[in-house]
All heavy atoms as atom14 arrays in JSON, in Angstrom:
{
  "sequence": "QWYTDVCKKAELIDYSSIKGMFIYRPYGYAIWENIQQELDRRFKE",
  "atom14_mask": [
    [1, 1, 1, 1, 1, 1, 1, 1, 1, 0, 0, 0, 0, 0],
    [1, 1, 1, 1, 1, 1, 1, 1, 1, 1, 1, 1, 1, 1],
    [1, 1, 1, 1, 1, 1, 1, 1, 1, 1, 1, 1, 0, 0],
    [1, 1, 1, 1, 1, 1, 1, 0, 0, 0, 0, 0, 0, 0],
    [1, 1, 1, 1, 1, 1, 1, 1, 0, 0, 0, 0, 0, 0],
    [1, 1, 1, 1, 1, 1, 1, 0, 0, 0, 0, 0, 0, 0],
    [1, 1, 1, 1, 1, 1, 0, 0, 0, 0, 0, 0, 0, 0],
    [1, 1, 1, 1, 1, 1, 1, 1, 1, 0, 0, 0, 0, 0],
    [1, 1, 1, 1, 1, 1, 1, 1, 1, 0, 0, 0, 0, 0],
    [1, 1, 1, 1, 1, 0, 0, 0, 0, 0, 0, 0, 0, 0],
    [1, 1, 1, 1, 1, 1, 1, 1, 1, 0, 0, 0, 0, 0],
    [1, 1, 1, 1, 1, 1, 1, 1, 0, 0, 0, 0, 0, 0],
    [1, 1, 1, 1, 1, 1, 1, 1, 0, 0, 0, 0, 0, 0],
    [1, 1, 1, 1, 1, 1, 1, 1, 0, 0, 0, 0, 0, 0],
    [1, 1, 1, 1, 1, 1, 1, 1, 1, 1, 1, 1, 0, 0],
    [1, 1, 1, 1, 1, 1, 0, 0, 0, 0, 0, 0, 0, 0],
    [1, 1, 1, 1, 1, 1, 0, 0, 0, 0, 0, 0, 0, 0],
    [1, 1, 1, 1, 1, 1, 1, 1, 0, 0, 0, 0, 0, 0],
    [1, 1, 1, 1, 1, 1, 1, 1, 1, 0, 0, 0, 0, 0],
    [1, 1, 1, 1, 0, 0, 0, 0, 0, 0, 0, 0, 0, 0],
    [1, 1, 1, 1, 1, 1, 1, 1, 0, 0, 0, 0, 0, 0],
    [1, 1, 1, 1, 1, 1, 1, 1, 1, 1, 1, 0, 0, 0],
    [1, 1, 1, 1, 1, 1, 1, 1, 0, 0, 0, 0, 0, 0],
    [1, 1, 1, 1, 1, 1, 1, 1, 1, 1, 1, 1, 0, 0],
    [1, 1, 1, 1, 1, 1, 1, 1, 1, 1, 1, 0, 0, 0],
    [1, 1, 1, 1, 1, 1, 1, 0, 0, 0, 0, 0, 0, 0],
    [1, 1, 1, 1, 1, 1, 1, 1, 1, 1, 1, 1, 0, 0],
    [1, 1, 1, 1, 0, 0, 0, 0, 0, 0, 0, 0, 0, 0],
    [1, 1, 1, 1, 1, 1, 1, 1, 1, 1, 1, 1, 0, 0],
    [1, 1, 1, 1, 1, 0, 0, 0, 0, 0, 0, 0, 0, 0],
    [1, 1, 1, 1, 1, 1, 1, 1, 0, 0, 0, 0, 0, 0],
    [1, 1, 1, 1, 1, 1, 1, 1, 1, 1, 1, 1, 1, 1],
    [1, 1, 1, 1, 1, 1, 1, 1, 1, 0, 0, 0, 0, 0],
    [1, 1, 1, 1, 1, 1, 1, 1, 0, 0, 0, 0, 0, 0],
    [1, 1, 1, 1, 1, 1, 1, 1, 0, 0, 0, 0, 0, 0],
    [1, 1, 1, 1, 1, 1, 1, 1, 1, 0, 0, 0, 0, 0],
    [1, 1, 1, 1, 1, 1, 1, 1, 1, 0, 0, 0, 0, 0],
    [1, 1, 1, 1, 1, 1, 1, 1, 1, 0, 0, 0, 0, 0],
    [1, 1, 1, 1, 1, 1, 1, 1, 0, 0, 0, 0, 0, 0],
    [1, 1, 1, 1, 1, 1, 1, 1, 0, 0, 0, 0, 0, 0],
    [1, 1, 1, 1, 1, 1, 1, 1, 1, 1, 1, 0, 0, 0],
    [1, 1, 1, 1, 1, 1, 1, 1, 1, 1, 1, 0, 0, 0],
    [1, 1, 1, 1, 1, 1, 1, 1, 1, 1, 1, 0, 0, 0],
    [1, 1, 1, 1, 1, 1, 1, 1, 1, 0, 0, 0, 0, 0],
    [1, 1, 1, 1, 1, 1, 1, 1, 1, 0, 0, 0, 0, 0]
  ],
  "atom14_positions": [
    [[-6.95, 16.1, -4.1], [-6.35, 15.75, -5.39], [-4.85, 15.52, -5.23], [-4.28, 14.63, -5.88], [-6.61, 16.86, -6.42], [-6.19, 16.48, -7.84], [-6.88, 15.23, -8.35], [-8.09, 15.11, -8.3], [-6.08, 14.26, -8.83], [0.0, 0.0, 0.0], [0.0, 0.0, 0.0], [0.0, 0.0, 0.0], [0.0, 0.0, 0.0], [0.0, 0.0, 0.0]],
    [[-4.21, 16.32, -4.38], [-2.78, 16.1, -4.08], [-2.57, 14.68, -3.58], [-1.65, 13.98, -4.04], [-2.3, 17.11, -3.03], [-0.96, 16.76, -2.44], [0.26, 17.07, -2.95], [-0.71, 16.0, -1.24], [1.26, 16.55, -2.15], [0.69, 15.89, -1.1], [-1.53, 15.41, -0.28], [1.29, 15.21, -0.03], [-0.95, 14.73, 0.79], [0.45, 14.64, 0.9]],
    [[-3.42, 14.24, -2.66], [-3.29, 12.91, -2.07], [-3.42, 11.82, -3.15], [-2.59, 10.9, -3.23], [-4.36, 12.72, -1.0], [-4.38, 11.34, -0.4], [-3.47, 10.97, 0.6], [-5.29, 10.38, -0.83], [-3.47, 9.7, 1.14], [-5.31, 9.11, -0.3], [-4.4, 8.78, 0.69], [-4.41, 7.5, 1.22], [0.0, 0.0, 0.0], [0.0, 0.0, 0.0]],
    [[-4.43, 11.95, -3.99], [-4.63, 10.97, -5.07], [-3.45, 10.98, -6.03], [-2.98, 9.92, -6.47], [-5.94, 11.27, -5.83], [-7.03, 11.25, -4.89], [-6.2, 10.23, -6.91], [0.0, 0.0, 0.0], [0.0, 0.0, 0.0], [0.0, 0.0, 0.0], [0.0, 0.0, 0.0], [0.0, 0.0, 0.0], [0.0, 0.0, 0.0], [0.0, 0.0, 0.0]],
    [[-2.96, 12.17, -6.36], [-1.81, 12.27, -7.26], [-0.6, 11.53, -6.68], [0.1, 10.81, -7.41], [-1.43, 13.75, -7.48], [-2.42, 14.49, -8.37], [-3.29, 13.84, -8.97], [-2.31, 15.74, -8.45], [0.0, 0.0, 0.0], [0.0, 0.0, 0.0], [0.0, 0.0, 0.0], [0.0, 0.0, 0.0], [0.0, 0.0, 0.0], [0.0, 0.0, 0.0]],
    [[-0.33, 11.73, -5.4], [0.81, 11.07, -4.77], [0.65, 9.56, -4.8], [1.59, 8.82, -5.13], [1.01, 11.57, -3.31], [2.08, 10.74, -2.6], [1.41, 13.04, -3.31], [0.0, 0.0, 0.0], [0.0, 0.0, 0.0], [0.0, 0.0, 0.0], [0.0, 0.0, 0.0], [0.0, 0.0, 0.0], [0.0, 0.0, 0.0], [0.0, 0.0, 0.0]],
    [[-0.54, 9.08, -4.47], [-0.79, 7.62, -4.48], [-0.5, 7.01, -5.85], [0.1, 5.94, -5.96], [-2.25, 7.33, -4.09], [-2.62, 7.59, -2.35], [0.0, 0.0, 0.0], [0.0, 0.0, 0.0], [0.0, 0.0, 0.0], [0.0, 0.0, 0.0], [0.0, 0.0, 0.0], [0.0, 0.0, 0.0], [0.0, 0.0, 0.0], [0.0, 0.0, 0.0]],
    [[-0.91, 7.73, -6.89], [-0.73, 7.22, -8.25], [0.71, 7.42, -8.75], [1.33, 6.51, -9.29], [-1.7, 7.94, -9.2], [-3.15, 7.54, -9.01], [-3.49, 6.28, -9.79], [-3.55, 6.57, -11.28], [-3.84, 5.34, -12.04], [0.0, 0.0, 0.0], [0.0, 0.0, 0.0], [0.0, 0.0, 0.0], [0.0, 0.0, 0.0], [0.0, 0.0, 0.0]],
    [[1.24, 8.64, -8.58], [2.51, 8.98, -9.22], [3.73, 8.5, -8.45], [4.81, 8.37, -9.02], [2.56, 10.49, -9.49], [1.54, 10.87, -10.59], [1.34, 12.35, -10.76], [0.22, 12.59, -11.78], [-0.09, 14.02, -11.93], [0.0, 0.0, 0.0], [0.0, 0.0, 0.0], [0.0, 0.0, 0.0], [0.0, 0.0, 0.0], [0.0, 0.0, 0.0]],
    [[3.55, 8.2, -7.17], [4.62, 7.54, -6.43], [4.54, 6.02, -6.62], [5.29, 5.27, -6.0], [4.54, 7.88, -4.95], [0.0, 0.0, 0.0], [0.0, 0.0, 0.0], [0.0, 0.0, 0.0], [0.0, 0.0, 0.0], [0.0, 0.0, 0.0], [0.0, 0.0, 0.0], [0.0, 0.0, 0.0], [0.0, 0.0, 0.0], [0.0, 0.0, 0.0]],
    [[3.59, 5.59, -7.45], [3.44, 4.19, -7.84], [3.14, 3.29, -6.63], [3.69, 2.21, -6.47], [4.67, 3.69, -8.6], [4.91, 4.49, -9.88], [6.18, 4.07, -10.62], [7.07, 3.47, -9.99], [6.26, 4.35, -11.83], [0.0, 0.0, 0.0], [0.0, 0.0, 0.0], [0.0, 0.0, 0.0], [0.0, 0.0, 0.0], [0.0, 0.0, 0.0]],
    [[2.21, 3.76, -5.79], [1.81, 3.0, -4.62], [0.6, 2.11, -4.91], [0.49, 1.01, -4.37], [1.45, 3.94, -3.46], [2.54, 4.91, -3.0], [1.97, 5.85, -1.94], [3.74, 4.15, -2.46], [0.0, 0.0, 0.0], [0.0, 0.0, 0.0], [0.0, 0.0, 0.0], [0.0, 0.0, 0.0], [0.0, 0.0, 0.0], [0.0, 0.0, 0.0]],
    [[-0.29, 2.6, -5.75], [-1.6, 1.95, -5.9], [-2.16, 2.21, -7.28], [-1.77, 3.18, -7.95], [-2.56, 2.48, -4.8], [-3.57, 1.41, -4.39], [-3.22, 3.79, -5.19], [-4.21, 1.65, -3.03], [0.0, 0.0, 0.0], [0.0, 0.0, 0.0], [0.0, 0.0, 0.0], [0.0, 0.0, 0.0], [0.0, 0.0, 0.0], [0.0, 0.0, 0.0]],
    [[-3.06, 1.35, -7.72], [-3.77, 1.57, -8.98], [-5.22, 1.13, -8.79], [-5.53, 0.37, -7.88], [-3.11, 0.79, -10.12], [-3.51, 1.33, -11.5], [-4.11, 2.43, -11.55], [-3.25, 0.65, -12.5], [0.0, 0.0, 0.0], [0.0, 0.0, 0.0], [0.0, 0.0, 0.0], [0.0, 0.0, 0.0], [0.0, 0.0, 0.0], [0.0, 0.0, 0.0]],
    [[-6.07, 1.63, -9.65], [-7.48, 1.29, -9.58], [-7.75, -0.01, -10.33], [-7.11, -0.29, -11.35], [-8.33, 2.41, -10.18], [-8.27, 3.69, -9.37], [-7.23, 4.6, -9.54], [-9.24, 3.98, -8.42], [-7.16, 5.77, -8.79], [-9.19, 5.15, -7.66], [-8.15, 6.03, -7.85], [-8.08, 7.18, -7.1], [0.0, 0.0, 0.0], [0.0, 0.0, 0.0]],
    [[-8.69, -0.79, -9.84], [-9.09, -2.01, -10.54], [-10.42, -1.75, -11.25], [-10.99, -0.66, -11.16], [-9.24, -3.17, -9.55], [-10.45, -3.06, -8.83], [0.0, 0.0, 0.0], [0.0, 0.0, 0.0], [0.0, 0.0, 0.0], [0.0, 0.0, 0.0], [0.0, 0.0, 0.0], [0.0, 0.0, 0.0], [0.0, 0.0, 0.0], [0.0, 0.0, 0.0]],
    [[-10.95, -2.76, -11.91], [-12.22, -2.6, -12.63], [-13.42, -2.64, -11.69], [-14.55, -2.38, -12.12], [-12.35, -3.69, -13.7], [-12.25, -4.97, -13.1], [0.0, 0.0, 0.0], [0.0, 0.0, 0.0], [0.0, 0.0, 0.0], [0.0, 0.0, 0.0], [0.0, 0.0, 0.0], [0.0, 0.0, 0.0], [0.0, 0.0, 0.0], [0.0, 0.0, 0.0]],
    [[-13.2, -2.98, -10.4], [-14.3, -3.0, -9.44], [-14.18, -1.79, -8.53], [-13.14, -1.58, -7.89], [-14.28, -4.29, -8.58], [-14.35, -5.53, -9.48], [-15.43, -4.29, -7.58], [-14.18, -6.83, -8.73], [0.0, 0.0, 0.0], [0.0, 0.0, 0.0], [0.0, 0.0, 0.0], [0.0, 0.0, 0.0], [0.0, 0.0, 0.0], [0.0, 0.0, 0.0]],
    [[-15.2, -1.0, -8.46], [-15.17, 0.21, -7.64], [-14.83, -0.12, -6.19], [-15.39, -1.06, -5.6], [-16.53, 0.91, -7.7], [-16.57, 2.21, -6.92], [-17.97, 2.82, -6.91], [-17.99, 4.06, -6.03], [-19.35, 4.62, -5.89], [0.0, 0.0, 0.0], [0.0, 0.0, 0.0], [0.0, 0.0, 0.0], [0.0, 0.0, 0.0], [0.0, 0.0, 0.0]],
    [[-13.89, 0.63, -5.63], [-13.53, 0.45, -4.23], [-12.54, -0.67, -3.96], [-12.18, -0.9, -2.81], [0.0, 0.0, 0.0], [0.0, 0.0, 0.0], [0.0, 0.0, 0.0], [0.0, 0.0, 0.0], [0.0, 0.0, 0.0], [0.0, 0.0, 0.0], [0.0, 0.0, 0.0], [0.0, 0.0, 0.0], [0.0, 0.0, 0.0], [0.0, 0.0, 0.0]],
    [[-12.08, -1.33, -5.01], [-11.08, -2.39, -4.85], [-9.82, -1.96, -5.61], [-9.88, -1.68, -6.81], [-11.6, -3.73, -5.35], [-12.71, -4.28, -4.49], [-13.11, -5.97, -4.91], [-14.25, -6.38, -3.59], [0.0, 0.0, 0.0], [0.0, 0.0, 0.0], [0.0, 0.0, 0.0], [0.0, 0.0, 0.0], [0.0, 0.0, 0.0], [0.0, 0.0, 0.0]],
    [[-8.72, -1.91, -4.9], [-7.5, -1.32, -5.44], [-6.41, -2.37, -5.6], [-6.41, -3.41, -4.94], [-7.0, -0.22, -4.5], [-7.92, 0.97, -4.42], [-8.97, 0.99, -3.51], [-7.74, 2.06, -5.24], [-9.82, 2.08, -3.42], [-8.58, 3.16, -5.16], [-9.63, 3.17, -4.25], [0.0, 0.0, 0.0], [0.0, 0.0, 0.0], [0.0, 0.0, 0.0]],
    [[-5.47, -2.04, -6.48], [-4.28, -2.88, -6.7], [-3.12, -2.25, -5.93], [-2.8, -1.08, -6.15], [-3.94, -2.94, -8.2], [-5.08, -3.65, -8.97], [-2.59, -3.65, -8.43], [-5.11, -3.33, -10.44], [0.0, 0.0, 0.0], [0.0, 0.0, 0.0], [0.0, 0.0, 0.0], [0.0, 0.0, 0.0], [0.0, 0.0, 0.0], [0.0, 0.0, 0.0]],
    [[-2.54, -3.0, -5.01], [-1.35, -2.52, -4.31], [-0.15, -2.78, -5.22], [0.21, -3.94, -5.46], [-1.16, -3.26, -2.98], [-2.25, -3.05, -1.97], [-3.41, -3.82, -1.99], [-2.13, -2.08, -0.98], [-4.42, -3.63, -1.06], [-3.13, -1.88, -0.04], [-4.27, -2.66, -0.09], [-5.27, -2.48, 0.83], [0.0, 0.0, 0.0], [0.0, 0.0, 0.0]],
    [[0.47, -1.74, -5.72], [1.64, -1.91, -6.56], [2.84, -2.29, -5.7], [2.81, -2.14, -4.47], [1.89, -0.62, -7.36], [0.72, -0.27, -8.29], [1.06, 0.82, -9.26], [2.11, 0.4, -10.2], [2.65, 1.19, -11.12], [2.24, 2.45, -11.23], [3.59, 0.74, -11.93], [0.0, 0.0, 0.0], [0.0, 0.0, 0.0], [0.0, 0.0, 0.0]],
    [[3.92, -2.81, -6.32], [5.04, -3.33, -5.51], [5.58, -2.35, -4.48], [5.86, -2.74, -3.34], [6.1, -3.66, -6.57], [5.31, -4.03, -7.78], [4.11, -3.11, -7.76], [0.0, 0.0, 0.0], [0.0, 0.0, 0.0], [0.0, 0.0, 0.0], [0.0, 0.0, 0.0], [0.0, 0.0, 0.0], [0.0, 0.0, 0.0], [0.0, 0.0, 0.0]],
    [[5.69, -1.07, -4.84], [6.26, -0.09, -3.9], [5.32, 0.14, -2.71], [5.74, 0.22, -1.56], [6.54, 1.21, -4.63], [7.48, 2.15, -3.9], [8.79, 1.77, -3.6], [7.07, 3.43, -3.53], [9.66, 2.64, -2.94], [7.93, 4.31, -2.89], [9.22, 3.89, -2.59], [10.08, 4.75, -1.94], [0.0, 0.0, 0.0], [0.0, 0.0, 0.0]],
    [[4.01, 0.22, -3.01], [3.02, 0.38, -1.94], [2.94, -0.86, -1.07], [2.85, -0.77, 0.17], [0.0, 0.0, 0.0], [0.0, 0.0, 0.0], [0.0, 0.0, 0.0], [0.0, 0.0, 0.0], [0.0, 0.0, 0.0], [0.0, 0.0, 0.0], [0.0, 0.0, 0.0], [0.0, 0.0, 0.0], [0.0, 0.0, 0.0], [0.0, 0.0, 0.0]],
    [[2.99, -2.03, -1.69], [2.9, -3.28, -0.92], [4.16, -3.48, -0.07], [4.08, -4.01, 1.04], [2.69, -4.48, -1.85], [2.27, -5.72, -1.1], [0.96, -5.86, -0.66], [3.18, -6.73, -0.8], [0.56, -6.98, 0.06], [2.79, -7.85, -0.09], [1.48, -7.97, 0.33], [1.09, -9.07, 1.05], [0.0, 0.0, 0.0], [0.0, 0.0, 0.0]],
    [[5.31, -3.01, -0.57], [6.55, -3.13, 0.2], [6.48, -2.32, 1.5], [7.03, -2.73, 2.54], [7.74, -2.68, -0.64], [0.0, 0.0, 0.0], [0.0, 0.0, 0.0], [0.0, 0.0, 0.0], [0.0, 0.0, 0.0], [0.0, 0.0, 0.0], [0.0, 0.0, 0.0], [0.0, 0.0, 0.0], [0.0, 0.0, 0.0], [0.0, 0.0, 0.0]],
    [[5.8, -1.17, 1.45], [5.6, -0.38, 2.68], [4.77, -1.19, 3.66], [5.08, -1.28, 4.85], [4.93, 0.98, 2.36], [5.85, 1.84, 1.5], [4.55, 1.71, 3.64], [5.19, 3.09, 0.94], [0.0, 0.0, 0.0], [0.0, 0.0, 0.0], [0.0, 0.0, 0.0], [0.0, 0.0, 0.0], [0.0, 0.0, 0.0], [0.0, 0.0, 0.0]],
    [[3.7, -1.82, 3.17], [2.86, -2.66, 4.03], [3.65, -3.84, 4.59], [3.51, -4.18, 5.77], [1.63, -3.14, 3.26], [0.75, -4.05, 4.07], [0.43, -5.35, 3.8], [0.04, -3.73, 5.28], [-0.41, -5.86, 4.76], [-0.67, -4.89, 5.68], [-0.05, -2.58, 6.07], [-1.46, -4.92, 6.83], [-0.83, -2.62, 7.21], [-1.53, -3.78, 7.58]],
    [[4.51, -4.43, 3.79], [5.32, -5.55, 4.28], [6.22, -5.12, 5.44], [6.39, -5.86, 6.42], [6.18, -6.11, 3.14], [5.4, -6.96, 2.16], [6.28, -7.51, 1.05], [7.06, -6.72, 0.46], [6.2, -8.72, 0.77], [0.0, 0.0, 0.0], [0.0, 0.0, 0.0], [0.0, 0.0, 0.0], [0.0, 0.0, 0.0], [0.0, 0.0, 0.0]],
    [[6.78, -3.9, 5.34], [7.63, -3.41, 6.43], [6.82, -3.13, 7.69], [7.29, -3.38, 8.81], [8.39, -2.16, 5.98], [9.5, -2.5, 4.99], [9.93, -3.65, 4.89], [9.96, -1.5, 4.25], [0.0, 0.0, 0.0], [0.0, 0.0, 0.0], [0.0, 0.0, 0.0], [0.0, 0.0, 0.0], [0.0, 0.0, 0.0], [0.0, 0.0, 0.0]],
    [[5.62, -2.59, 7.52], [4.71, -2.39, 8.66], [4.39, -3.74, 9.29], [4.47, -3.93, 10.51], [3.42, -1.68, 8.2], [3.7, -0.22, 7.84], [2.32, -1.78, 9.26], [2.53, 0.51, 7.19], [0.0, 0.0, 0.0], [0.0, 0.0, 0.0], [0.0, 0.0, 0.0], [0.0, 0.0, 0.0], [0.0, 0.0, 0.0], [0.0, 0.0, 0.0]],
    [[4.01, -4.68, 8.44], [3.62, -6.02, 8.89], [4.77, -6.72, 9.63], [4.57, -7.28, 10.72], [3.19, -6.85, 7.67], [2.66, -8.22, 7.99], [2.27, -8.97, 6.72], [2.92, -8.86, 5.69], [1.2, -9.73, 6.8], [0.0, 0.0, 0.0], [0.0, 0.0, 0.0], [0.0, 0.0, 0.0], [0.0, 0.0, 0.0], [0.0, 0.0, 0.0]],
    [[5.95, -6.64, 9.07], [7.1, -7.32, 9.66], [7.41, -6.79, 11.06], [7.65, -7.56, 12.0], [8.32, -7.15, 8.74], [9.56, -7.9, 9.2], [10.72, -7.72, 8.24], [10.89, -6.66, 7.63], [11.52, -8.75, 8.07], [0.0, 0.0, 0.0], [0.0, 0.0, 0.0], [0.0, 0.0, 0.0], [0.0, 0.0, 0.0], [0.0, 0.0, 0.0]],
    [[7.39, -5.47, 11.21], [7.72, -4.87, 12.51], [6.63, -5.14, 13.55], [6.93, -5.48, 14.69], [7.94, -3.36, 12.35], [8.2, -2.61, 13.64], [9.46, -3.03, 14.38], [10.33, -3.68, 13.77], [9.57, -2.69, 15.58], [0.0, 0.0, 0.0], [0.0, 0.0, 0.0], [0.0, 0.0, 0.0], [0.0, 0.0, 0.0], [0.0, 0.0, 0.0]],
    [[5.37, -4.99, 13.16], [4.3, -5.26, 14.1], [4.26, -6.74, 14.48], [4.05, -7.08, 15.65], [2.95, -4.83, 13.52], [2.64, -3.33, 13.59], [1.35, -3.02, 12.87], [2.55, -2.85, 15.04], [0.0, 0.0, 0.0], [0.0, 0.0, 0.0], [0.0, 0.0, 0.0], [0.0, 0.0, 0.0], [0.0, 0.0, 0.0], [0.0, 0.0, 0.0]],
    [[4.46, -7.6, 13.51], [4.45, -9.03, 13.77], [5.52, -9.4, 14.8], [5.28, -10.21, 15.7], [4.68, -9.81, 12.47], [4.22, -11.24, 12.55], [3.01, -11.47, 12.75], [5.07, -12.15, 12.46], [0.0, 0.0, 0.0], [0.0, 0.0, 0.0], [0.0, 0.0, 0.0], [0.0, 0.0, 0.0], [0.0, 0.0, 0.0], [0.0, 0.0, 0.0]],
    [[6.69, -8.79, 14.67], [7.76, -9.02, 15.64], [7.32, -8.6, 17.03], [7.52, -9.33, 18.02], [9.0, -8.23, 15.22], [10.2, -8.39, 16.14], [11.34, -7.45, 15.77], [11.03, -6.06, 16.01], [11.05, -5.48, 17.2], [11.33, -6.19, 18.29], [10.75, -4.2, 17.34], [0.0, 0.0, 0.0], [0.0, 0.0, 0.0], [0.0, 0.0, 0.0]],
    [[6.68, -7.44, 17.13], [6.23, -6.94, 18.42], [5.13, -7.82, 19.02], [5.11, -8.06, 20.24], [5.74, -5.49, 18.29], [6.87, -4.51, 17.94], [6.31, -3.11, 17.72], [7.37, -2.18, 17.29], [7.55, -0.98, 17.81], [6.76, -0.53, 18.78], [8.51, -0.19, 17.38], [0.0, 0.0, 0.0], [0.0, 0.0, 0.0], [0.0, 0.0, 0.0]],
    [[4.22, -8.28, 18.17], [3.15, -9.16, 18.67], [3.74, -10.46, 19.24], [3.33, -10.92, 20.3], [2.17, -9.51, 17.54], [1.42, -8.33, 16.97], [0.8, -8.44, 15.72], [1.31, -7.13, 17.65], [0.11, -7.38, 15.18], [0.62, -6.05, 17.12], [0.01, -6.18, 15.87], [0.0, 0.0, 0.0], [0.0, 0.0, 0.0], [0.0, 0.0, 0.0]],
    [[4.68, -11.03, 18.51], [5.26, -12.3, 18.96], [6.07, -12.13, 20.24], [6.1, -13.03, 21.08], [6.09, -12.92, 17.83], [5.21, -13.51, 16.73], [5.98, -13.94, 15.51], [5.0, -14.53, 14.49], [5.6, -14.7, 13.16], [0.0, 0.0, 0.0], [0.0, 0.0, 0.0], [0.0, 0.0, 0.0], [0.0, 0.0, 0.0], [0.0, 0.0, 0.0]],
    [[6.7, -10.98, 20.39], [7.43, -10.69, 21.63], [6.5, -10.69, 22.84], [6.93, -10.96, 23.96], [8.14, -9.33, 21.54], [9.47, -9.38, 20.82], [10.17, -8.02, 20.82], [9.57, -7.05, 21.34], [11.29, -7.95, 20.29], [0.0, 0.0, 0.0], [0.0, 0.0, 0.0], [0.0, 0.0, 0.0], [0.0, 0.0, 0.0], [0.0, 0.0, 0.0]]
  ]
}
């Protein structure tokens, strides 16, 4: 429950109307963008 609370209250993610499909909120998606950017740089290197 702590984990779910953090996901919701830190505004990382929200539930959609389809079970198992989630909405990445801007703050959560920005974390993914930073992961993506750094890994992409390493792959291209």
